[in-house]
Amino acid sequence: MPPRKKKDDPMAAVDALPLVQELEKALACLDAVEKDVDEGKRPGKDMDAFFQQLGRVDDAAAALPEMPIPQGALDDGADLDVVARQDLRRQLDDLAAEGHRKKNMKTL
């Protein structure tokens, strides 16, 4: 997939992410494997390249920060807007409680 220009497409920022770039390379390698199979060739070298690229995808994914999944987000029929709002409210409450604890600790 050719790179997108930022002014042309808002998804250009997504395309610039290392994980997305590695995934696109893996898909290109998989296309080469599929082409070999369609032509009746053995996809040995292309298959090796695909598996190496999958390792790079794994490395790029491991480099991303851990993002906890909000409670209830994976439930059947979950309204993700409601889940996000509840999660944000919970985080703000935790932050306020932490600020209150710090304030009380200073007065001890």
N, C-alpha and C. Protein backbone atom coordinates (compact mmCIF):
# COMPACT_ATOMS: atom_id res chain seq x y z
N MET A 1 0.85 -1.17 0.00
CA MET A 1 0.00 0.00 0.00
C MET A 1 0.89 1.23 0.00
N PRO A 2 0.68 2.14 -0.94
CA PRO A 2 1.52 3.35 -0.97
C PRO A 2 1.24 4.23 0.23
N PRO A 3 2.28 4.93 0.71
CA PRO A 3 2.07 5.81 1.87
C PRO A 3 1.10 6.93 1.53
N ARG A 4 0.29 7.28 2.49
CA ARG A 4 -0.68 8.35 2.30
C ARG A 4 -0.08 9.67 2.74
N LYS A 5 -0.56 10.74 2.13
CA LYS A 5 -0.11 12.06 2.53
C LYS A 5 -1.06 12.58 3.60
N LYS A 6 -0.50 13.21 4.62
CA LYS A 6 -1.29 13.65 5.77
C LYS A 6 -2.45 14.55 5.36
N LYS A 7 -2.22 15.43 4.41
CA LYS A 7 -3.29 16.35 4.03
C LYS A 7 -4.39 15.64 3.25
N ASP A 8 -4.05 14.51 2.61
CA ASP A 8 -5.03 13.79 1.81
C ASP A 8 -5.89 12.85 2.64
N ASP A 9 -5.35 12.30 3.70
CA ASP A 9 -6.05 11.26 4.43
C ASP A 9 -5.70 11.31 5.91
N PRO A 10 -6.71 11.36 6.78
CA PRO A 10 -6.40 11.39 8.21
C PRO A 10 -5.80 10.08 8.71
N MET A 11 -5.88 9.01 7.95
CA MET A 11 -5.32 7.72 8.36
C MET A 11 -3.80 7.66 8.15
N ALA A 12 -3.22 8.72 7.61
CA ALA A 12 -1.77 8.75 7.39
C ALA A 12 -1.01 8.58 8.70
N ALA A 13 -1.55 9.12 9.78
CA ALA A 13 -0.89 8.98 11.09
C ALA A 13 -0.88 7.52 11.53
N VAL A 14 -1.95 6.80 11.22
CA VAL A 14 -2.01 5.38 11.55
C VAL A 14 -1.01 4.61 10.71
N ASP A 15 -0.94 4.94 9.42
CA ASP A 15 0.00 4.27 8.52
C ASP A 15 1.44 4.46 8.95
N ALA A 16 1.74 5.55 9.66
CA ALA A 16 3.10 5.84 10.08
C ALA A 16 3.52 5.05 11.32
N LEU A 17 2.58 4.41 12.00
CA LEU A 17 2.91 3.64 13.19
C LEU A 17 3.78 2.44 12.83
N PRO A 18 4.83 2.18 13.61
CA PRO A 18 5.72 1.05 13.30
C PRO A 18 4.99 -0.29 13.20
N LEU A 19 4.01 -0.51 14.06
CA LEU A 19 3.28 -1.78 14.02
C LEU A 19 2.54 -1.94 12.70
N VAL A 20 1.91 -0.87 12.23
CA VAL A 20 1.17 -0.91 10.98
C VAL A 20 2.13 -1.15 9.81
N GLN A 21 3.27 -0.49 9.85
CA GLN A 21 4.25 -0.68 8.77
C GLN A 21 4.74 -2.12 8.72
N GLU A 22 5.01 -2.71 9.89
CA GLU A 22 5.46 -4.10 9.93
C GLU A 22 4.36 -5.05 9.48
N LEU A 23 3.12 -4.76 9.83
CA LEU A 23 2.00 -5.59 9.38
C LEU A 23 1.86 -5.54 7.86
N GLU A 24 2.02 -4.35 7.30
CA GLU A 24 1.92 -4.22 5.84
C GLU A 24 3.04 -5.00 5.15
N LYS A 25 4.23 -4.99 5.73
CA LYS A 25 5.33 -5.77 5.16
C LYS A 25 5.03 -7.27 5.26
N ALA A 26 4.44 -7.69 6.37
CA ALA A 26 4.08 -9.10 6.53
C ALA A 26 3.03 -9.51 5.50
N LEU A 27 2.07 -8.63 5.24
CA LEU A 27 1.05 -8.93 4.23
C LEU A 27 1.66 -9.02 2.84
N ALA A 28 2.65 -8.18 2.56
CA ALA A 28 3.34 -8.26 1.27
C ALA A 28 4.07 -9.59 1.13
N CYS A 29 4.69 -10.05 2.22
CA CYS A 29 5.37 -11.35 2.20
C CYS A 29 4.36 -12.47 2.00
N LEU A 30 3.22 -12.35 2.64
CA LEU A 30 2.17 -13.37 2.49
C LEU A 30 1.64 -13.40 1.06
N ASP A 31 1.56 -12.22 0.43
CA ASP A 31 1.15 -12.17 -0.97
C ASP A 31 2.14 -12.93 -1.85
N ALA A 32 3.43 -12.82 -1.54
CA ALA A 32 4.45 -13.55 -2.32
C ALA A 32 4.29 -15.05 -2.13
N VAL A 33 3.97 -15.47 -0.91
CA VAL A 33 3.74 -16.90 -0.65
C VAL A 33 2.54 -17.38 -1.43
N GLU A 34 1.46 -16.60 -1.40
CA GLU A 34 0.24 -16.97 -2.12
C GLU A 34 0.50 -17.06 -3.63
N LYS A 35 1.29 -16.13 -4.15
CA LYS A 35 1.61 -16.14 -5.57
C LYS A 35 2.39 -17.41 -5.93
N ASP A 36 3.35 -17.79 -5.09
CA ASP A 36 4.12 -19.01 -5.33
C ASP A 36 3.20 -20.23 -5.34
N VAL A 37 2.30 -20.30 -4.39
CA VAL A 37 1.38 -21.44 -4.32
C VAL A 37 0.47 -21.47 -5.54
N ASP A 38 -0.03 -20.31 -5.94
CA ASP A 38 -0.90 -20.25 -7.13
C ASP A 38 -0.17 -20.69 -8.40
N GLU A 39 1.13 -20.43 -8.45
CA GLU A 39 1.92 -20.80 -9.61
C GLU A 39 2.47 -22.22 -9.51
N GLY A 40 2.16 -22.91 -8.42
CA GLY A 40 2.61 -24.28 -8.24
C GLY A 40 4.06 -24.40 -7.79
N LYS A 41 4.64 -23.30 -7.33
CA LYS A 41 6.01 -23.32 -6.84
C LYS A 41 6.03 -23.62 -5.35
N ARG A 42 7.18 -24.03 -4.85
CA ARG A 42 7.34 -24.19 -3.41
C ARG A 42 7.69 -22.83 -2.81
N PRO A 43 6.96 -22.40 -1.81
CA PRO A 43 7.18 -21.06 -1.25
C PRO A 43 8.24 -21.02 -0.16
N GLY A 44 9.30 -21.79 -0.29
CA GLY A 44 10.31 -21.88 0.77
C GLY A 44 10.89 -20.55 1.21
N LYS A 45 11.55 -19.83 0.29
CA LYS A 45 12.19 -18.56 0.66
C LYS A 45 11.16 -17.52 1.08
N ASP A 46 10.06 -17.47 0.33
CA ASP A 46 9.02 -16.49 0.65
C ASP A 46 8.36 -16.82 1.99
N MET A 47 8.21 -18.11 2.28
CA MET A 47 7.63 -18.52 3.57
C MET A 47 8.57 -18.13 4.71
N ASP A 48 9.87 -18.34 4.51
CA ASP A 48 10.85 -17.93 5.53
C ASP A 48 10.79 -16.42 5.77
N ALA A 49 10.70 -15.66 4.68
CA ALA A 49 10.62 -14.21 4.80
C ALA A 49 9.34 -13.80 5.55
N PHE A 50 8.25 -14.50 5.28
CA PHE A 50 6.99 -14.20 5.96
C PHE A 50 7.13 -14.44 7.46
N PHE A 51 7.72 -15.59 7.84
CA PHE A 51 7.87 -15.88 9.27
C PHE A 51 8.84 -14.90 9.96
N GLN A 52 9.88 -14.50 9.25
CA GLN A 52 10.79 -13.49 9.82
C GLN A 52 10.05 -12.18 10.04
N GLN A 53 9.21 -11.83 9.07
CA GLN A 53 8.45 -10.58 9.19
C GLN A 53 7.44 -10.67 10.33
N LEU A 54 6.85 -11.84 10.54
CA LEU A 54 5.95 -12.01 11.68
C LEU A 54 6.68 -11.77 13.00
N GLY A 55 7.95 -12.16 13.07
CA GLY A 55 8.76 -11.88 14.25
C GLY A 55 8.93 -10.39 14.47
N ARG A 56 9.11 -9.65 13.37
CA ARG A 56 9.23 -8.19 13.48
C ARG A 56 7.91 -7.55 13.92
N VAL A 57 6.80 -8.13 13.45
CA VAL A 57 5.48 -7.64 13.90
C VAL A 57 5.35 -7.85 15.40
N ASP A 58 5.77 -9.02 15.86
CA ASP A 58 5.71 -9.33 17.29
C ASP A 58 6.58 -8.35 18.08
N ASP A 59 7.77 -8.04 17.58
CA ASP A 59 8.66 -7.08 18.26
C ASP A 59 8.01 -5.69 18.32
N ALA A 60 7.39 -5.28 17.21
CA ALA A 60 6.75 -3.96 17.17
C ALA A 60 5.57 -3.92 18.14
N ALA A 61 4.82 -5.01 18.23
CA ALA A 61 3.68 -5.06 19.16
C ALA A 61 4.17 -5.04 20.60
N ALA A 62 5.27 -5.73 20.88
CA ALA A 62 5.81 -5.77 22.25
C ALA A 62 6.33 -4.41 22.68
N ALA A 63 6.71 -3.56 21.73
CA ALA A 63 7.24 -2.24 22.05
C ALA A 63 6.14 -1.25 22.44
N LEU A 64 4.89 -1.61 22.17
CA LEU A 64 3.78 -0.72 22.51
C LEU A 64 3.52 -0.75 24.01
N PRO A 65 3.08 0.37 24.57
CA PRO A 65 2.77 0.37 26.01
C PRO A 65 1.55 -0.50 26.29
N GLU A 66 1.51 -1.07 27.49
CA GLU A 66 0.37 -1.88 27.91
C GLU A 66 -0.86 -0.98 28.03
N MET A 67 -1.93 -1.39 27.45
CA MET A 67 -3.18 -0.66 27.54
C MET A 67 -4.23 -1.58 28.15
N PRO A 68 -4.65 -1.31 29.37
CA PRO A 68 -5.66 -2.18 29.98
C PRO A 68 -7.00 -2.05 29.25
N ILE A 69 -7.70 -3.16 29.13
CA ILE A 69 -9.02 -3.16 28.50
C ILE A 69 -10.02 -2.83 29.59
N PRO A 70 -10.84 -1.81 29.38
CA PRO A 70 -11.82 -1.44 30.41
C PRO A 70 -12.76 -2.61 30.72
N GLN A 71 -13.12 -2.71 31.99
CA GLN A 71 -14.01 -3.76 32.45
C GLN A 71 -15.34 -3.65 31.70
N GLY A 72 -15.81 -4.75 31.14
CA GLY A 72 -17.08 -4.78 30.42
C GLY A 72 -16.96 -4.52 28.94
N ALA A 73 -15.79 -4.16 28.45
CA ALA A 73 -15.63 -3.83 27.03
C ALA A 73 -15.78 -5.06 26.13
N LEU A 74 -15.49 -6.23 26.66
CA LEU A 74 -15.55 -7.44 25.85
C LEU A 74 -16.86 -8.21 26.03
N ASP A 75 -17.77 -7.68 26.83
CA ASP A 75 -19.07 -8.33 27.02
C ASP A 75 -19.89 -8.24 25.75
N ASP A 76 -20.72 -9.26 25.51
CA ASP A 76 -21.62 -9.24 24.35
C ASP A 76 -22.56 -8.05 24.46
N GLY A 77 -22.69 -7.31 23.38
CA GLY A 77 -23.60 -6.18 23.33
C GLY A 77 -23.15 -4.97 24.13
N ALA A 78 -21.89 -4.92 24.49
CA ALA A 78 -21.39 -3.80 25.28
C ALA A 78 -21.43 -2.51 24.47
N ASP A 79 -21.93 -1.45 25.08
CA ASP A 79 -21.92 -0.13 24.46
C ASP A 79 -20.58 0.50 24.80
N LEU A 80 -19.69 0.57 23.82
CA LEU A 80 -18.32 1.01 24.09
C LEU A 80 -18.25 2.46 24.55
N ASP A 81 -19.20 3.28 24.13
CA ASP A 81 -19.22 4.67 24.61
C ASP A 81 -19.50 4.71 26.11
N VAL A 82 -20.44 3.89 26.56
CA VAL A 82 -20.77 3.83 27.98
C VAL A 82 -19.59 3.27 28.77
N VAL A 83 -18.98 2.21 28.24
CA VAL A 83 -17.83 1.60 28.92
C VAL A 83 -16.69 2.61 29.03
N ALA A 84 -16.42 3.34 27.95
CA ALA A 84 -15.34 4.34 27.97
C ALA A 84 -15.65 5.45 28.97
N ARG A 85 -16.89 5.89 29.00
CA ARG A 85 -17.28 6.96 29.93
C ARG A 85 -17.13 6.48 31.38
N GLN A 86 -17.57 5.25 31.65
CA GLN A 86 -17.44 4.70 33.01
C GLN A 86 -15.97 4.53 33.40
N ASP A 87 -15.16 4.07 32.45
CA ASP A 87 -13.74 3.88 32.73
C ASP A 87 -13.07 5.22 33.00
N LEU A 88 -13.39 6.23 32.22
CA LEU A 88 -12.82 7.56 32.43
C LEU A 88 -13.26 8.12 33.79
N ARG A 89 -14.54 7.93 34.12
CA ARG A 89 -15.04 8.41 35.42
C ARG A 89 -14.30 7.71 36.56
N ARG A 90 -14.07 6.40 36.42
CA ARG A 90 -13.35 5.64 37.44
C ARG A 90 -11.91 6.15 37.58
N GLN A 91 -11.27 6.43 36.45
CA GLN A 91 -9.89 6.94 36.48
C GLN A 91 -9.84 8.32 37.14
N LEU A 92 -10.80 9.18 36.83
CA LEU A 92 -10.83 10.51 37.43
C LEU A 92 -11.09 10.42 38.94
N ASP A 93 -11.97 9.51 39.34
CA ASP A 93 -12.22 9.31 40.77
C ASP A 93 -10.96 8.83 41.48
N ASP A 94 -10.23 7.90 40.85
CA ASP A 94 -8.99 7.40 41.44
C ASP A 94 -7.96 8.52 41.56
N LEU A 95 -7.89 9.37 40.53
CA LEU A 95 -6.95 10.48 40.55
C LEU A 95 -7.31 11.48 41.65
N ALA A 96 -8.59 11.76 41.81
CA ALA A 96 -9.03 12.68 42.88
C ALA A 96 -8.72 12.08 44.25
N ALA A 97 -8.96 10.78 44.41
CA ALA A 97 -8.68 10.13 45.69
C ALA A 97 -7.19 10.17 46.00
N GLU A 98 -6.37 9.98 44.98
CA GLU A 98 -4.92 10.03 45.18
C GLU A 98 -4.49 11.44 45.59
N GLY A 99 -5.06 12.45 44.95
CA GLY A 99 -4.77 13.84 45.31
C GLY A 99 -5.19 14.14 46.74
N HIS A 100 -6.33 13.60 47.13
CA HIS A 100 -6.82 13.80 48.51
C HIS A 100 -5.88 13.12 49.51
N ARG A 101 -5.41 11.91 49.18
CA ARG A 101 -4.46 11.22 50.08
C ARG A 101 -3.16 12.00 50.20
N LYS A 102 -2.66 12.53 49.10
CA LYS A 102 -1.42 13.30 49.14
C LYS A 102 -1.58 14.56 49.99
N LYS A 103 -2.74 15.20 49.86
CA LYS A 103 -3.01 16.41 50.62
C LYS A 103 -3.05 16.09 52.12
N ASN A 104 -3.69 14.98 52.47
CA ASN A 104 -3.77 14.57 53.87
C ASN A 104 -2.41 14.15 54.42
N MET A 105 -1.58 13.57 53.57
CA MET A 105 -0.25 13.15 54.03
C MET A 105 0.61 14.36 54.39
N LYS A 106 0.41 15.46 53.69
CA LYS A 106 1.19 16.66 53.96
C LYS A 106 0.84 17.28 55.30
N THR A 107 -0.39 17.08 55.73
CA THR A 107 -0.82 17.68 57.00
C THR A 107 -0.46 16.84 58.22
N LEU A 108 0.04 15.62 57.99
CA LEU A 108 0.41 14.77 59.14
C LEU A 108 1.68 15.20 59.80
